[in-house]
Amino acid sequence: MRQSNCPPELKILRTDMNAAYDAYKQGHDSLFSAKTNDQVYDQARATVENYLNNRLIWEELNHYKKQGQILGRHPIFDWMRRVDEIRRLKIGDLVNLKIRLENNLIRNRAAVRRSPNHPETGKRKDRIIQMQGELSEVNRLLNI
């Protein structure tokens, strides 16, 4: 991590690892103060997600430490590739992507509101978060 040739994604992951660990510890502690089953479920889900994220980051960092190359399993690598693709687009393509993302966001948010218990709701929420990130990058590139 201290080497000058360490990939910036790994430095970002190191910071994310600390945040995930802190959130895991806090979530674990808050499990004992939950009053309802819904609170227990939400806290347990968040705690497990933070633990798994921390573990996935640890595997990336440990693999780089041992092998000197990126493992590439963490979602940040997919995200960085997508951002790179967006940054290579021409202005006209960026505008088209902006319109598509806005329309898809409206459609997916409506679907989640209409049927919150649908089996695909979790995937839709994840996709909404991804599209919001892409739209944010597109808006930044378009100076909006």
Protein backbone atom coordinates (compact mmCIF):
# COMPACT_ATOMS: atom_id res chain seq x y z
CA MET A 1 0.00 0.00 0.00
CA ARG A 2 2.87 2.35 0.65
CA GLN A 3 4.57 1.64 -2.66
CA SER A 4 4.29 4.31 -5.34
CA ASN A 5 3.10 1.76 -7.91
CA CYS A 6 0.19 0.52 -5.77
CA PRO A 7 -3.03 0.80 -7.81
CA PRO A 8 -5.33 3.61 -6.61
CA GLU A 9 -8.27 1.19 -6.42
CA LEU A 10 -6.49 -0.70 -3.66
CA LYS A 11 -5.91 2.49 -1.72
CA ILE A 12 -9.62 3.24 -2.02
CA LEU A 13 -10.42 -0.29 -0.91
CA ARG A 14 -8.20 0.09 2.17
CA THR A 15 -10.25 3.08 3.26
CA ASP A 16 -13.50 1.24 2.46
CA MET A 17 -12.25 -1.72 4.48
CA ASN A 18 -11.88 0.45 7.57
CA ALA A 19 -15.35 1.91 7.07
CA ALA A 20 -16.90 -1.53 6.54
CA TYR A 21 -15.23 -2.86 9.67
CA ASP A 22 -16.43 0.09 11.74
CA ALA A 23 -19.96 -0.33 10.36
CA TYR A 24 -19.80 -4.05 11.09
CA LYS A 25 -18.79 -3.44 14.72
CA GLN A 26 -21.46 -0.78 15.17
CA GLY A 27 -24.09 -3.01 13.54
CA HIS A 28 -23.12 -5.92 15.74
CA ASP A 29 -23.50 -3.77 18.85
CA SER A 30 -26.83 -2.35 17.69
CA LEU A 31 -28.27 -5.85 17.23
CA PHE A 32 -28.63 -6.07 20.98
CA SER A 33 -30.65 -2.86 21.20
CA ALA A 34 -33.12 -3.73 18.43
CA LYS A 35 -36.71 -3.85 19.67
CA THR A 36 -38.70 -5.33 16.77
CA ASN A 37 -38.12 -8.19 14.39
CA ASP A 38 -37.83 -5.73 11.50
CA GLN A 39 -35.09 -3.84 13.34
CA VAL A 40 -33.27 -7.09 14.09
CA TYR A 41 -33.55 -8.14 10.43
CA ASP A 42 -32.32 -4.76 9.13
CA GLN A 43 -29.41 -4.65 11.58
CA ALA A 44 -28.44 -8.26 10.90
CA ARG A 45 -28.56 -7.72 7.13
CA ALA A 46 -26.41 -4.58 7.35
CA THR A 47 -23.97 -6.28 9.73
CA VAL A 48 -23.54 -9.32 7.48
CA GLU A 49 -23.18 -7.14 4.35
CA ASN A 50 -20.47 -5.06 6.01
CA TYR A 51 -18.67 -8.19 7.20
CA LEU A 52 -18.77 -9.74 3.71
CA ASN A 53 -17.58 -6.49 2.11
CA ASN A 54 -14.73 -6.28 4.61
CA ARG A 55 -13.78 -9.88 3.87
CA LEU A 56 -13.89 -9.35 0.10
CA ILE A 57 -11.63 -6.31 0.43
CA TRP A 58 -9.25 -8.26 2.66
CA GLU A 59 -8.99 -10.97 0.00
CA GLU A 60 -8.17 -8.34 -2.66
CA LEU A 61 -5.49 -6.70 -0.54
CA ASN A 62 -3.98 -9.97 0.62
CA HIS A 63 -3.85 -11.32 -2.94
CA TYR A 64 -2.09 -8.15 -4.12
CA LYS A 65 0.35 -8.38 -1.22
CA LYS A 66 1.23 -12.00 -2.04
CA GLN A 67 0.99 -12.04 -5.85
CA GLY A 68 1.68 -8.42 -6.79
CA GLN A 69 -1.42 -8.28 -8.99
CA ILE A 70 -5.07 -7.42 -8.55
CA LEU A 71 -7.54 -10.25 -7.96
CA GLY A 72 -10.43 -8.18 -9.37
CA ARG A 73 -13.39 -9.76 -7.56
CA HIS A 74 -14.54 -6.67 -5.68
CA PRO A 75 -17.30 -4.62 -7.38
CA ILE A 76 -15.12 -1.50 -7.36
CA PHE A 77 -13.19 -2.90 -10.32
CA ASP A 78 -16.37 -3.26 -12.39
CA TRP A 79 -17.33 0.26 -11.36
CA MET A 80 -13.93 1.67 -12.36
CA ARG A 81 -14.19 -0.03 -15.77
CA ARG A 82 -17.69 1.43 -16.25
CA VAL A 83 -16.51 4.94 -15.32
CA ASP A 84 -13.65 4.57 -17.79
CA GLU A 85 -16.15 3.59 -20.52
CA ILE A 86 -18.32 6.60 -19.71
CA ARG A 87 -15.34 8.96 -19.79
CA ARG A 88 -14.45 7.76 -23.30
CA LEU A 89 -17.88 8.60 -24.73
CA LYS A 90 -18.38 11.56 -27.05
CA ILE A 91 -20.65 14.43 -26.02
CA GLY A 92 -23.60 13.23 -28.08
CA ASP A 93 -23.32 9.74 -26.62
CA LEU A 94 -23.11 11.21 -23.12
CA VAL A 95 -26.33 13.16 -23.68
CA ASN A 96 -28.07 10.01 -24.96
CA LEU A 97 -26.80 8.03 -21.98
CA LYS A 98 -28.06 10.75 -19.63
CA ILE A 99 -31.56 10.56 -21.13
CA ARG A 100 -31.56 6.74 -20.99
CA LEU A 101 -30.37 6.69 -17.37
CA GLU A 102 -32.99 9.23 -16.28
CA ASN A 103 -35.77 7.24 -17.97
CA ASN A 104 -34.55 3.95 -16.51
CA LEU A 105 -34.32 5.48 -13.05
CA ILE A 106 -37.92 6.67 -13.25
CA ARG A 107 -39.08 3.25 -14.43
CA ASN A 108 -37.14 1.28 -11.81
CA ARG A 109 -38.15 3.56 -8.92
CA ALA A 110 -41.78 3.21 -9.96
CA ALA A 111 -41.45 -0.57 -10.11
CA VAL A 112 -39.98 -0.66 -6.60
CA ARG A 113 -42.78 1.59 -5.29
CA ARG A 114 -45.51 -0.46 -6.98
CA SER A 115 -44.36 -3.82 -5.68
CA PRO A 116 -41.87 -3.56 -2.81
CA ASN A 117 -42.15 -7.29 -2.04
CA HIS A 118 -41.38 -8.42 -5.59
CA PRO A 119 -38.52 -10.97 -5.78
CA GLU A 120 -36.55 -8.60 -8.05
CA THR A 121 -36.81 -5.58 -5.71
CA GLY A 122 -33.32 -6.07 -4.27
CA LYS A 123 -31.78 -6.23 -7.73
CA ARG A 124 -33.78 -3.20 -8.81
CA LYS A 125 -32.55 -1.20 -5.82
CA ASP A 126 -28.96 -2.19 -6.59
CA ARG A 127 -29.47 -1.18 -10.22
CA ILE A 128 -30.95 2.17 -9.13
CA ILE A 129 -27.83 2.86 -7.05
CA GLN A 130 -25.61 1.94 -10.00
CA MET A 131 -27.58 4.13 -12.42
CA GLN A 132 -27.45 7.06 -9.98
CA GLY A 133 -23.67 6.74 -9.86
CA GLU A 134 -23.44 6.59 -13.65
CA LEU A 135 -25.77 9.59 -14.00
CA SER A 136 -23.68 11.52 -11.50
CA GLU A 137 -20.54 10.83 -13.55
CA VAL A 138 -22.30 11.76 -16.80
CA ASN A 139 -23.56 15.02 -15.26
CA ARG A 140 -20.07 15.78 -13.99
CA LEU A 141 -18.61 15.23 -17.45
CA LEU A 142 -21.32 17.41 -19.03
CA ASN A 143 -20.76 20.10 -16.36
CA ILE A 144 -24.37 19.90 -15.21
